[in-house]
Protein backbone atom coordinates (compact mmCIF):
# COMPACT_ATOMS: atom_id res chain seq x y z
CA MET A 1 172.08 -17.62 125.97
CA GLU A 2 171.88 -14.80 128.49
CA SER A 3 173.35 -12.31 126.00
CA ILE A 4 170.74 -13.32 123.40
CA HIS A 5 167.94 -12.84 125.89
CA LYS A 6 169.35 -9.45 126.92
CA LYS A 7 169.63 -8.31 123.29
CA LYS A 8 166.06 -9.39 122.59
CA LEU A 9 164.84 -7.54 125.68
CA GLU A 10 166.64 -4.37 124.59
CA GLU A 11 165.13 -4.56 121.09
CA GLU A 12 161.64 -5.06 122.48
CA LEU A 13 162.06 -2.24 124.98
CA ALA A 14 163.46 0.20 122.43
CA ASP A 15 160.28 -0.12 120.35
CA GLU A 16 157.91 0.27 123.29
CA PRO A 17 156.26 3.69 123.47
CA VAL A 18 155.77 5.43 126.78
CA SER A 19 152.19 5.20 128.03
CA PRO A 20 150.01 8.34 127.89
CA THR A 21 150.11 8.52 131.68
CA GLY A 22 153.91 8.25 131.69
CA GLN A 23 154.16 11.06 129.14
CA TYR A 24 151.75 13.19 131.17
CA PHE A 25 153.82 12.79 134.33
CA ASN A 26 157.04 13.69 132.49
CA SER A 27 156.34 16.69 130.30
CA LEU A 28 157.38 20.33 130.05
CA ALA A 29 154.29 21.34 132.04
CA LEU A 30 154.47 18.65 134.73
CA SER A 31 157.03 16.41 136.40
CA VAL A 32 155.85 14.19 139.26
CA SER A 33 157.99 11.94 141.45
CA ILE A 34 157.26 9.47 144.25
CA ILE A 35 159.35 9.69 147.42
CA ALA A 36 159.33 6.58 149.63
CA VAL A 37 161.03 6.76 153.05
CA LEU A 38 162.12 3.60 154.88
CA GLU A 39 163.06 4.02 158.55
CA LEU A 40 165.43 1.31 159.81
CA GLU A 41 165.91 -0.09 163.31
CA ILE A 42 169.61 -0.63 162.61
CA PRO A 43 171.93 1.51 160.45
CA PHE A 44 172.06 0.55 156.79
CA ASN A 45 175.22 -1.30 155.73
CA GLU A 46 176.58 0.69 152.79
CA SER A 47 178.43 -2.36 151.44
CA PHE A 48 175.03 -3.82 150.46
CA THR A 49 174.06 -0.79 148.36
CA PHE A 50 175.36 -1.70 144.91
CA PRO A 51 174.60 -5.46 145.09
CA PHE A 52 171.07 -4.62 146.27
CA LEU A 53 170.45 -2.13 143.48
CA GLN A 54 172.09 -4.19 140.73
CA ASN A 55 170.75 -7.64 141.62
CA LEU A 56 167.28 -6.66 142.79
CA LEU A 57 165.95 -3.21 141.95
CA VAL A 58 167.46 -2.81 138.46
CA ARG A 59 166.63 -6.37 137.38
CA ILE A 60 163.05 -6.38 138.64
CA ASN A 61 161.75 -3.87 136.12
CA PRO A 62 163.39 -2.68 132.84
CA ARG A 63 162.17 0.87 133.55
CA PHE A 64 164.94 1.20 136.14
CA SER A 65 167.56 0.77 133.41
CA SER A 66 165.84 2.86 130.71
CA ILE A 67 165.54 6.50 129.79
CA MET A 68 162.72 8.30 128.00
CA VAL A 69 163.59 9.45 124.47
CA THR A 70 161.64 11.02 121.61
CA ASP A 71 161.86 9.46 118.13
CA ASP A 72 161.75 11.24 114.77
CA HIS A 73 157.96 11.19 114.81
CA GLY A 74 157.71 12.88 118.22
CA VAL A 75 156.71 9.67 120.01
CA LYS A 76 158.29 9.08 123.41
CA GLN A 77 159.84 5.64 123.94
CA TRP A 78 161.82 3.77 126.59
CA LYS A 79 165.46 3.20 125.61
CA LYS A 80 167.65 0.68 127.42
CA VAL A 81 170.92 2.15 128.73
CA ALA A 82 173.84 1.09 130.88
CA VAL A 83 173.14 2.04 134.47
CA LYS A 84 175.89 3.80 136.43
CA LEU A 85 174.78 3.06 139.97
CA GLU A 86 177.15 5.60 141.48
CA ASP A 87 175.17 8.35 139.72
CA HIS A 88 171.96 7.23 141.44
CA VAL A 89 173.25 6.79 145.02
CA LYS A 90 173.28 9.91 147.19
CA ILE A 91 174.73 10.05 150.72
CA PRO A 92 174.28 13.52 152.28
CA SER A 93 176.48 14.91 155.05
CA PHE A 94 174.83 16.40 158.13
CA PRO A 95 176.57 18.05 161.13
CA VAL A 96 178.00 15.50 163.55
CA GLY A 97 177.15 15.21 167.24
CA VAL A 98 173.77 16.95 167.33
CA SER A 99 170.58 15.63 168.89
CA LYS A 100 168.10 13.30 167.19
CA GLU A 101 165.57 16.13 167.11
CA CYS A 102 168.04 18.19 165.08
CA TYR A 103 168.50 15.29 162.69
CA ASP A 104 164.71 15.19 162.33
CA MET A 105 164.82 18.76 161.02
CA TYR A 106 167.82 18.03 158.78
CA LEU A 107 165.94 15.07 157.32
CA ASP A 108 162.82 17.16 156.65
CA ASP A 109 164.94 19.84 154.98
CA TYR A 110 166.69 17.21 152.88
CA LEU A 111 163.37 15.71 151.81
CA SER A 112 162.18 19.17 150.78
CA GLU A 113 165.41 19.69 148.83
CA ILE A 114 165.18 16.49 146.81
CA ALA A 115 161.43 16.98 146.32
CA ASN A 116 162.14 20.30 144.57
CA ALA A 117 165.02 18.93 142.49
CA GLU A 118 164.44 17.52 139.01
CA LEU A 119 165.67 14.03 138.18
CA PRO A 120 168.32 14.09 135.41
CA LYS A 121 166.72 13.15 132.08
CA GLU A 122 169.93 11.61 130.70
CA GLN A 123 169.81 8.69 133.17
CA PRO A 124 167.08 6.35 134.48
CA LEU A 125 164.54 8.28 136.51
CA TRP A 126 165.27 7.15 140.06
CA GLU A 127 167.58 7.87 143.00
CA PHE A 128 168.60 6.04 146.18
CA HIS A 129 169.46 8.18 149.22
CA ILE A 130 171.17 6.85 152.35
CA ILE A 131 170.79 8.85 155.58
CA LYS A 132 173.40 7.59 158.05
CA TYR A 133 172.27 9.73 160.98
CA PRO A 134 169.87 8.62 163.76
CA THR A 135 166.52 10.39 164.05
CA SER A 136 163.81 10.17 166.68
CA ASN A 137 162.18 7.31 164.76
CA ALA A 138 165.07 5.37 163.25
CA ALA A 139 168.75 4.46 163.48
CA GLY A 140 169.08 5.08 159.76
CA THR A 141 166.90 6.09 156.84
CA ILE A 142 166.69 5.09 153.17
CA ILE A 143 164.89 7.26 150.64
CA PHE A 144 163.74 6.16 147.19
CA LYS A 145 162.95 8.92 144.72
CA LEU A 146 161.17 7.44 141.71
CA HIS A 147 159.66 9.29 138.79
CA HIS A 148 155.93 8.68 138.42
CA ALA A 149 156.48 7.81 134.74
CA LEU A 150 158.01 4.52 135.93
CA GLY A 151 154.61 3.34 137.16
CA ASP A 152 151.65 4.14 139.36
CA GLY A 153 151.81 4.10 143.14
CA PHE A 154 150.50 0.53 143.45
CA SER A 155 153.02 -0.97 141.01
CA ILE A 156 155.91 1.07 142.44
CA MET A 157 155.18 -0.10 145.99
CA GLY A 158 154.89 -3.66 144.68
CA ILE A 159 158.35 -3.35 143.15
CA LEU A 160 159.85 -1.98 146.37
CA PHE A 161 158.23 -4.64 148.57
CA SER A 162 159.43 -7.40 146.23
CA CYS A 163 163.02 -6.32 146.97
CA PHE A 164 162.74 -7.23 150.65
CA HIS A 165 162.42 -10.54 152.49
CA ARG A 166 161.41 -11.80 155.90
CA VAL A 167 164.04 -11.81 158.64
CA ASP A 168 163.02 -15.25 159.97
CA ASN A 169 163.04 -16.79 156.47
CA PRO A 170 164.93 -14.79 153.81
CA SER A 171 163.67 -17.15 151.09
CA LYS A 172 160.15 -15.71 151.52
CA PRO A 173 158.93 -12.19 150.68
CA ILE A 174 157.70 -9.91 153.43
CA THR A 175 154.08 -10.39 154.48
CA LEU A 176 151.70 -8.32 156.55
CA PRO A 177 150.23 -10.11 159.59
CA SER A 178 146.55 -10.98 159.64
CA LEU A 179 144.58 -10.95 162.89
CA ARG A 180 141.48 -12.61 161.43
CA SER A 181 140.81 -16.30 161.12
CA SER A 182 139.55 -17.89 157.90
CA SER A 183 136.07 -18.38 159.39
CA GLU A 184 135.89 -14.72 160.36
CA SER A 185 137.00 -13.75 156.85
CA GLY A 186 134.28 -15.94 155.35
CA ASN A 187 131.59 -14.42 157.55
CA GLU A 188 132.81 -10.94 156.77
CA LYS A 189 132.76 -11.71 153.03
CA ARG A 190 129.09 -12.80 153.21
CA TYR A 191 128.27 -9.71 155.25
CA ASN A 192 129.98 -7.49 152.71
CA ILE A 193 127.94 -9.02 149.87
CA ARG A 194 124.67 -8.36 151.71
CA LYS A 195 125.85 -4.85 152.55
CA PHE A 196 126.72 -4.19 148.90
CA VAL A 197 123.30 -5.34 147.64
CA THR A 198 121.49 -3.27 150.28
CA HIS A 199 123.46 -0.11 149.68
CA PHE A 200 123.80 -0.36 145.87
CA PRO A 201 121.03 2.20 145.06
CA SER A 202 122.51 4.78 147.42
CA MET A 203 126.01 4.05 146.07
CA LEU A 204 124.76 4.65 142.53
CA LEU A 205 123.14 7.92 143.55
CA ASN A 206 126.22 9.07 145.45
CA THR A 207 128.47 8.22 142.49
CA ALA A 208 126.34 10.30 140.11
CA SER A 209 126.23 13.15 142.63
CA ASP A 210 130.00 13.06 143.19
CA PHE A 211 130.65 13.00 139.44
CA ALA A 212 128.43 16.04 138.87
CA TRP A 213 130.02 17.88 141.81
CA THR A 214 133.50 17.09 140.48
CA LEU A 215 132.59 18.60 137.11
CA MET A 216 131.30 21.73 138.82
CA LYS A 217 134.42 22.02 141.04
CA SER A 218 136.71 21.70 138.03
CA SER A 219 134.93 24.30 135.91
CA ILE A 220 132.62 26.60 137.93
CA VAL A 221 132.90 26.34 141.72
CA GLU A 222 136.18 27.35 143.39
CA ASP A 223 137.54 25.74 146.56
CA ASP A 224 137.35 27.78 149.76
CA LYS A 225 140.53 29.41 151.05
CA THR A 226 141.91 27.55 154.08
CA SER A 227 145.19 27.21 155.95
CA ILE A 228 146.07 24.49 153.44
CA ARG A 229 144.80 26.24 150.29
CA SER A 230 145.89 29.86 150.00
CA GLY A 231 144.22 30.46 146.65
CA ASN A 232 147.15 32.57 145.46
CA GLU A 233 147.98 32.51 141.76
CA GLY A 234 151.03 30.44 140.82
CA VAL A 235 151.35 28.82 144.24
CA GLU A 236 152.01 25.45 142.57
CA PHE A 237 155.30 26.82 141.19
CA ARG A 238 156.68 27.96 144.53
CA PRO A 239 159.27 25.92 146.47
CA LYS A 240 157.84 23.01 148.46
CA ALA A 241 158.63 22.15 152.08
CA ILE A 242 158.03 18.68 153.56
CA SER A 243 157.04 18.06 157.16
CA THR A 244 156.29 14.72 158.80
CA ILE A 245 153.83 13.40 161.37
CA ASN A 246 153.52 9.93 162.88
CA PHE A 247 150.29 7.91 163.11
CA ARG A 248 149.88 4.63 164.91
CA LEU A 249 148.67 1.77 162.71
CA ASP A 250 145.52 1.32 164.83
CA HIS A 251 144.73 5.02 164.31
CA ILE A 252 145.00 4.53 160.55
CA LYS A 253 142.53 1.64 160.83
CA GLN A 254 140.14 3.83 162.82
CA ILE A 255 140.31 6.54 160.15
CA LYS A 256 139.70 3.93 157.44
CA ASN A 257 136.67 2.57 159.28
CA LYS A 258 135.28 6.06 159.80
CA VAL A 259 135.68 6.93 156.12
CA ALA A 260 134.19 3.60 155.01
CA GLY A 261 131.17 4.36 157.17
């Protein structure tokens, strides 16, 4: 029965065209990947690698066991293939016996290296990197590199979160804690409705203004040169370097509240 279901899934998947967004993110002019970094309090047990990938990640979504091919009519489609997990798992070697600060720099350099590298087109568009060295923030680090053609950021994060479970009850998926009671949530919901009705005219005006400004920025007006934007021609094709900075969760909430106004 399982073999019949698998064959049917492969037939359905082979006839499924790649979405326009997926084709856009994986073309000759553009190739975009998502890099997710998980910092662990305890070192990752390498013996869990292949069971985790085979039983969870690969089975959750058929994209993780498919490659993008072009048919005779020039239409890109997803084709089911056999996944060789050893080709997707990368374990880099760093110098031994250096400080955690040095490992921070090695990790940043490694992130920059894999960010500049293209994912092989002849295998499913994802990689799993295991960093066995302690950094200032973690005893071990796991890196997922996933091509953006596999899905948008929301769906990709949903897939990754669905692979993990709570420590106190492994039968349940991970959840984010809530500090608000149900009564507070109800009051806030009513407040948000009143706020929406009151501010709707200004929201409509701001939306129209932002849309017009976006059109001007994309066709007429050029961004100012800053320390972030050099304005040099062809800068998007130069090698990229990744650096990291830590924010406390309460600081992120403050930024969100400031932006929300």
